[in-house]
C-alpha atoms as a PDB file:
ATOM      1  CA  MET A   1      39.894  52.053 -26.862  1.00  0.00           C
ATOM      2  CA  ALA A   2      37.814  54.058 -24.418  1.00  0.00           C
ATOM      3  CA  LYS A   3      37.921  57.808 -24.942  1.00  0.00           C
ATOM      4  CA  ILE A   4      39.121  60.051 -22.141  1.00  0.00           C
ATOM      5  CA  ILE A   5      38.355  63.752 -21.645  1.00  0.00           C
ATOM      6  CA  HIS A   6      40.192  65.691 -18.959  1.00  0.00           C
ATOM      7  CA  CYS A   7      38.035  68.111 -17.016  1.00  0.00           C
ATOM      8  CA  HIS A   8      39.104  71.756 -17.246  1.00  0.00           C
ATOM      9  CA  PRO A   9      41.004  72.725 -14.056  1.00  0.00           C
ATOM     10  CA  SER A  10      38.665  75.639 -13.338  1.00  0.00           C
ATOM     11  CA  ARG A  11      35.645  73.292 -13.351  1.00  0.00           C
ATOM     12  CA  ALA A  12      37.270  70.290 -11.655  1.00  0.00           C
ATOM     13  CA  THR A  13      36.225  69.486  -8.112  1.00  0.00           C
ATOM     14  CA  HIS A  14      39.203  67.157  -7.502  1.00  0.00           C
ATOM     15  CA  ASP A  15      42.915  67.151  -8.310  1.00  0.00           C
ATOM     16  CA  TYR A  16      42.377  64.446 -10.929  1.00  0.00           C
ATOM     17  CA  HIS A  17      39.084  64.565 -12.841  1.00  0.00           C
ATOM     18  CA  ILE A  18      38.412  62.817 -16.169  1.00  0.00           C
ATOM     19  CA  TYR A  19      35.373  61.692 -18.145  1.00  0.00           C
ATOM     20  CA  THR A  20      35.243  58.464 -20.136  1.00  0.00           C
ATOM     21  CA  ASP A  21      32.796  56.800 -22.511  1.00  0.00           C
ATOM     22  CA  LEU A  22      33.218  53.479 -20.715  1.00  0.00           C
ATOM     23  CA  ASP A  23      30.146  52.260 -18.836  1.00  0.00           C
ATOM     24  CA  PHE A  24      30.019  53.028 -15.097  1.00  0.00           C
ATOM     25  CA  TRP A  25      29.939  49.374 -13.994  1.00  0.00           C
ATOM     26  CA  ASP A  26      32.775  48.416 -16.341  1.00  0.00           C
ATOM     27  CA  ALA A  27      34.929  51.308 -15.127  1.00  0.00           C
ATOM     28  CA  ARG A  28      34.376  50.277 -11.504  1.00  0.00           C
ATOM     29  CA  LEU A  29      35.417  46.733 -12.331  1.00  0.00           C
ATOM     30  CA  ILE A  30      38.518  47.818 -14.263  1.00  0.00           C
ATOM     31  CA  LEU A  31      39.772  50.497 -11.884  1.00  0.00           C
ATOM     32  CA  LYS A  32      38.910  48.761  -8.590  1.00  0.00           C
ATOM     33  CA  ASN A  33      40.493  50.882  -5.810  1.00  0.00           C
ATOM     34  CA  LEU A  34      42.745  53.142  -7.898  1.00  0.00           C
ATOM     35  CA  ALA A  35      40.310  56.073  -7.921  1.00  0.00           C
ATOM     36  CA  THR A  36      36.685  56.950  -7.257  1.00  0.00           C
ATOM     37  CA  VAL A  37      34.327  56.185 -10.142  1.00  0.00           C
ATOM     38  CA  LYS A  38      31.181  58.314 -10.392  1.00  0.00           C
ATOM     39  CA  ARG A  39      28.322  58.684 -12.808  1.00  0.00           C
ATOM     40  CA  ASN A  40      28.142  61.691 -15.078  1.00  0.00           C
ATOM     41  CA  PHE A  41      24.668  63.215 -14.984  1.00  0.00           C
ATOM     42  CA  GLY A  42      25.857  66.511 -16.429  1.00  0.00           C
ATOM     43  CA  SER A  43      25.545  68.019 -19.862  1.00  0.00           C
ATOM     44  CA  ASP A  44      29.139  69.116 -20.461  1.00  0.00           C
ATOM     45  CA  PRO A  45      30.205  66.530 -21.620  1.00  0.00           C
ATOM     46  CA  PRO A  46      26.819  64.843 -22.044  1.00  0.00           C
ATOM     47  CA  GLY A  47      26.121  61.911 -19.749  1.00  0.00           C
ATOM     48  CA  ASN A  48      24.827  59.737 -22.587  1.00  0.00           C
ATOM     49  CA  ASP A  49      28.144  60.009 -24.461  1.00  0.00           C
ATOM     50  CA  TYR A  50      30.447  60.032 -21.428  1.00  0.00           C
ATOM     51  CA  PRO A  51      28.528  58.259 -18.633  1.00  0.00           C
ATOM     52  CA  THR A  52      31.449  57.916 -16.222  1.00  0.00           C
ATOM     53  CA  GLN A  53      33.782  60.250 -14.389  1.00  0.00           C
ATOM     54  CA  VAL A  54      36.910  59.182 -12.553  1.00  0.00           C
ATOM     55  CA  VAL A  55      38.085  61.437  -9.737  1.00  0.00           C
ATOM     56  CA  GLY A  56      40.806  61.408  -7.135  1.00  0.00           C
ATOM     57  CA  ASP A  57      42.866  63.615  -4.861  1.00  0.00           C
ATOM     58  CA  ASP A  58      46.598  63.291  -4.261  1.00  0.00           C
ATOM     59  CA  LEU A  59      47.114  60.563  -6.869  1.00  0.00           C
ATOM     60  CA  SER A  60      50.677  59.842  -7.941  1.00  0.00           C
ATOM     61  CA  ARG A  61      51.780  60.092 -11.563  1.00  0.00           C
ATOM     62  CA  THR A  62      52.087  56.320 -11.819  1.00  0.00           C
ATOM     63  CA  THR A  63      48.535  55.837 -10.533  1.00  0.00           C
ATOM     64  CA  LYS A  64      47.189  58.357 -13.058  1.00  0.00           C
ATOM     65  CA  ALA A  65      49.111  56.640 -15.858  1.00  0.00           C
ATOM     66  CA  MET A  66      47.798  53.239 -14.741  1.00  0.00           C
ATOM     67  CA  ILE A  67      44.205  54.548 -14.709  1.00  0.00           C
ATOM     68  CA  GLU A  68      44.529  55.981 -18.208  1.00  0.00           C
ATOM     69  CA  ARG A  69      46.271  52.863 -19.535  1.00  0.00           C
ATOM     70  CA  ARG A  70      43.531  50.592 -18.176  1.00  0.00           C
ATOM     71  CA  LEU A  71      40.780  52.805 -19.585  1.00  0.00           C
ATOM     72  CA  LYS A  72      42.412  53.011 -23.017  1.00  0.00           C
ATOM     73  CA  LYS A  73      42.669  49.209 -23.191  1.00  0.00           C
ATOM     74  CA  ALA A  74      39.010  48.687 -22.259  1.00  0.00           C
ATOM     75  CA  ILE A  75      36.455  47.830 -24.920  1.00  0.00           C
ATOM     76  CA  VAL A  76      33.522  50.204 -24.950  1.00  0.00           C
ATOM     77  CA  SER A  77      29.930  49.026 -25.274  1.00  0.00           C
ATOM     78  CA  PRO A  78      26.658  50.930 -25.230  1.00  0.00           C
ATOM     79  CA  PRO A  79      26.071  52.262 -21.700  1.00  0.00           C
ATOM     80  CA  ARG A  80      23.660  50.143 -19.684  1.00  0.00           C
ATOM     81  CA  HIS A  81      21.503  53.120 -18.748  1.00  0.00           C
ATOM     82  CA  LEU A  82      20.844  53.808 -22.464  1.00  0.00           C
ATOM     83  CA  LEU A  83      19.911  50.168 -22.934  1.00  0.00           C
ATOM     84  CA  ALA A  84      17.498  50.329 -19.985  1.00  0.00           C
ATOM     85  CA  GLU A  85      16.028  53.627 -21.181  1.00  0.00           C
ATOM     86  CA  GLY A  86      15.451  52.271 -24.694  1.00  0.00           C
ATOM     87  CA  ILE A  87      13.795  49.105 -23.431  1.00  0.00           C
ATOM     88  CA  LEU A  88      11.538  51.018 -21.035  1.00  0.00           C
ATOM     89  CA  LYS A  89      10.462  53.669 -23.539  1.00  0.00           C
ATOM     90  CA  GLU A  90      10.351  51.766 -26.831  1.00  0.00           C
ATOM     91  CA  GLY A  91      10.431  48.110 -25.820  1.00  0.00           C
ATOM     92  CA  TYR A  92      13.751  47.539 -27.605  1.00  0.00           C
ATOM     93  CA  PHE A  93      17.267  48.914 -27.924  1.00  0.00           C
ATOM     94  CA  GLU A  94      19.187  48.969 -31.181  1.00  0.00           C
ATOM     95  CA  PHE A  95      22.796  49.938 -31.802  1.00  0.00           C
ATOM     96  CA  ASP A  96      25.471  49.657 -34.463  1.00  0.00           C
ATOM     97  CA  PRO A  97      28.274  47.433 -33.102  1.00  0.00           C
ATOM     98  CA  SER A  98      30.818  48.859 -35.567  1.00  0.00           C
ATOM     99  CA  GLU A  99      30.705  52.128 -33.584  1.00  0.00           C
ATOM    100  CA  TYR A 100      31.851  50.356 -30.418  1.00  0.00           C
ATOM    101  CA  TYR A 101      33.734  47.142 -31.148  1.00  0.00           C
ATOM    102  CA  PRO A 102      37.001  46.561 -33.067  1.00  0.00           C
ATOM    103  CA  LYS A 103      36.642  46.171 -36.839  1.00  0.00           C
ATOM    104  CA  ARG A 104      38.458  42.813 -36.799  1.00  0.00           C
ATOM    105  CA  TRP A 105      35.743  41.168 -34.669  1.00  0.00           C
ATOM    106  CA  SER A 106      33.336  38.776 -36.349  1.00  0.00           C
ATOM    107  CA  ARG A 107      29.575  39.211 -36.082  1.00  0.00           C
ATOM    108  CA  GLU A 108      29.399  36.218 -33.754  1.00  0.00           C
ATOM    109  CA  ARG A 109      32.001  37.660 -31.385  1.00  0.00           C
ATOM    110  CA  MET A 110      30.194  41.036 -31.273  1.00  0.00           C
ATOM    111  CA  PHE A 111      26.926  39.265 -30.552  1.00  0.00           C
ATOM    112  CA  ASN A 112      28.405  37.115 -27.750  1.00  0.00           C
ATOM    113  CA  PHE A 113      30.253  40.054 -26.176  1.00  0.00           C
ATOM    114  CA  THR A 114      27.043  42.099 -26.122  1.00  0.00           C
ATOM    115  CA  TYR A 115      25.045  39.240 -24.612  1.00  0.00           C
ATOM    116  CA  ARG A 116      27.614  38.669 -21.846  1.00  0.00           C
ATOM    117  CA  ARG A 117      27.468  42.361 -20.896  1.00  0.00           C
ATOM    118  CA  LEU A 118      23.696  42.442 -20.475  1.00  0.00           C
ATOM    119  CA  PRO A 119      22.636  42.863 -16.830  1.00  0.00           C
ATOM    120  CA  LEU A 120      20.444  39.754 -16.880  1.00  0.00           C
ATOM    121  CA  ASP A 121      20.116  39.749 -13.082  1.00  0.00           C
ATOM    122  CA  SER A 122      18.081  42.942 -13.327  1.00  0.00           C
ATOM    123  CA  ALA A 123      14.291  42.703 -13.174  1.00  0.00           C
ATOM    124  CA  LEU A 124      14.038  45.069 -16.137  1.00  0.00           C
ATOM    125  CA  LEU A 125      15.561  42.513 -18.491  1.00  0.00           C
ATOM    126  CA  ASN A 126      14.883  39.203 -16.812  1.00  0.00           C
ATOM    127  CA  SER A 127      11.821  38.504 -14.672  1.00  0.00           C
ATOM    128  CA  PRO A 128       9.654  35.407 -14.125  1.00  0.00           C
ATOM    129  CA  TYR A 129       7.337  36.623 -16.904  1.00  0.00           C
ATOM    130  CA  ARG A 130       9.687  38.369 -19.353  1.00  0.00           C
ATOM    131  CA  THR A 131      13.117  37.866 -20.841  1.00  0.00           C
ATOM    132  CA  VAL A 132      15.236  39.456 -23.579  1.00  0.00           C
ATOM    133  CA  ARG A 133      15.870  38.368 -27.130  1.00  0.00           C
ATOM    134  CA  MET A 134      18.863  39.529 -29.120  1.00  0.00           C
ATOM    135  CA  SER A 135      18.954  39.490 -32.886  1.00  0.00           C
ATOM    136  CA  TRP A 136      20.640  41.080 -35.866  1.00  0.00           C
ATOM    137  CA  LYS A 137      18.573  43.602 -37.784  1.00  0.00           C
ATOM    138  CA  GLY A 138      20.668  44.450 -40.816  1.00  0.00           C
ATOM    139  CA  GLU A 139      23.989  45.707 -39.467  1.00  0.00           C
ATOM    140  CA  LYS A 140      22.586  46.509 -36.008  1.00  0.00           C
ATOM    141  CA  ILE A 141      22.097  44.423 -32.891  1.00  0.00           C
ATOM    142  CA  ARG A 142      18.572  44.620 -31.487  1.00  0.00           C
ATOM    143  CA  ILE A 143      17.742  43.778 -27.873  1.00  0.00           C
ATOM    144  CA  GLU A 144      14.055  43.508 -27.020  1.00  0.00           C
ATOM    145  CA  ARG A 145      11.946  42.323 -24.117  1.00  0.00           C
ATOM    146  CA  VAL A 146       9.654  39.412 -24.892  1.00  0.00           C
ATOM    147  CA  GLN A 147       6.979  37.594 -22.930  1.00  0.00           C
ATOM    148  CA  ARG A 148       7.894  34.105 -21.676  1.00  0.00           C
ATOM    149  CA  ASP A 149       5.665  31.182 -22.635  1.00  0.00           C
ATOM    150  CA  LYS A 150       5.179  30.289 -18.986  1.00  0.00           C
ATOM    151  CA  LYS A 151       6.364  31.614 -15.646  1.00  0.00           C
ATOM    152  CA  PHE A 152      10.038  30.887 -14.961  1.00  0.00           C
ATOM    153  CA  ASP A 153      10.902  29.980 -11.367  1.00  0.00           C
ATOM    154  CA  PRO A 154      14.631  29.278 -11.072  1.00  0.00           C
ATOM    155  CA  VAL A 155      15.766  26.549  -8.715  1.00  0.00           C
ATOM    156  CA  ILE A 156      18.478  27.895  -6.442  1.00  0.00           C
ATOM    157  CA  GLN A 157      20.954  25.120  -5.714  1.00  0.00           C
ATOM    158  CA  THR A 158      23.993  26.853  -4.255  1.00  0.00           C
ATOM    159  CA  LYS A 159      24.710  29.614  -1.800  1.00  0.00           C
ATOM    160  CA  GLN A 160      26.343  31.698  -4.564  1.00  0.00           C
ATOM    161  CA  GLN A 161      23.163  31.590  -6.642  1.00  0.00           C
ATOM    162  CA  ALA A 162      21.131  32.695  -3.625  1.00  0.00           C
ATOM    163  CA  LEU A 163      23.487  35.602  -2.940  1.00  0.00           C
ATOM    164  CA  ARG A 164      23.460  36.660  -6.601  1.00  0.00           C
ATOM    165  CA  ARG A 165      19.658  36.741  -6.614  1.00  0.00           C
ATOM    166  CA  ARG A 166      19.568  38.750  -3.391  1.00  0.00           C
ATOM    167  CA  ASN A 167      22.193  41.362  -4.276  1.00  0.00           C
ATOM    168  CA  VAL A 168      21.024  42.698  -7.608  1.00  0.00           C
ATOM    169  CA  PRO A 169      21.851  46.308  -8.508  1.00  0.00           C
ATOM    170  CA  SER A 170      18.524  48.049  -8.965  1.00  0.00           C
ATOM    171  CA  CYS A 171      19.920  50.847 -11.095  1.00  0.00           C
ATOM    172  CA  PHE A 172      22.033  51.180 -14.194  1.00  0.00           C
END
C-alpha cells in the first residue's frame, strides 16, 4: 500500500534509487539488509510526502522485486517527523486516518495501530513531566502533549528495560 516513485536515471546517484511514502523507521525495519534506507530531505519529491529513499548498487532483479513487494505490502502512517514537528510547533498533531489506513479497518483498529506506532521512548512525547493523549476529533485522530499530574519515575526491573531507556533515537 506504500507508494513508490523511481528516481529519474539522470538524477539518480545509485543504480537503484526509489522514493517511498513509508516512514523512515518503518522502511528500515521492513527492508533490513536488502538495501540502504535514507531520509529524503529534498524537494523533488517533497520530503514531507515521500520521507524515505531506498538506494543500492549492483542489486539483482530478485532483490529489487523483493524490496518493491515488501514496500507495497506495508501500511503507511503519518511520518514521525511530521508528528514531532506538529507537536513542537502547535502542541498537537491531527490527521485523517482514512488517507492512510485501509477502508475496511474499524475506528478502534486505526486508533490502536496509531498508538502502537508512536515513538513513546522519545523525550518529545514521553518525559517524566509530560505524556501524550490520543483522541478522536470528528473523523480525525488528534495526538497532543499533556502535563502529567505528578512526576513519573519508571522502575527499571530488567536489563532489557534499562537498554531500551539508554538507546533511544533522538531524532525522527
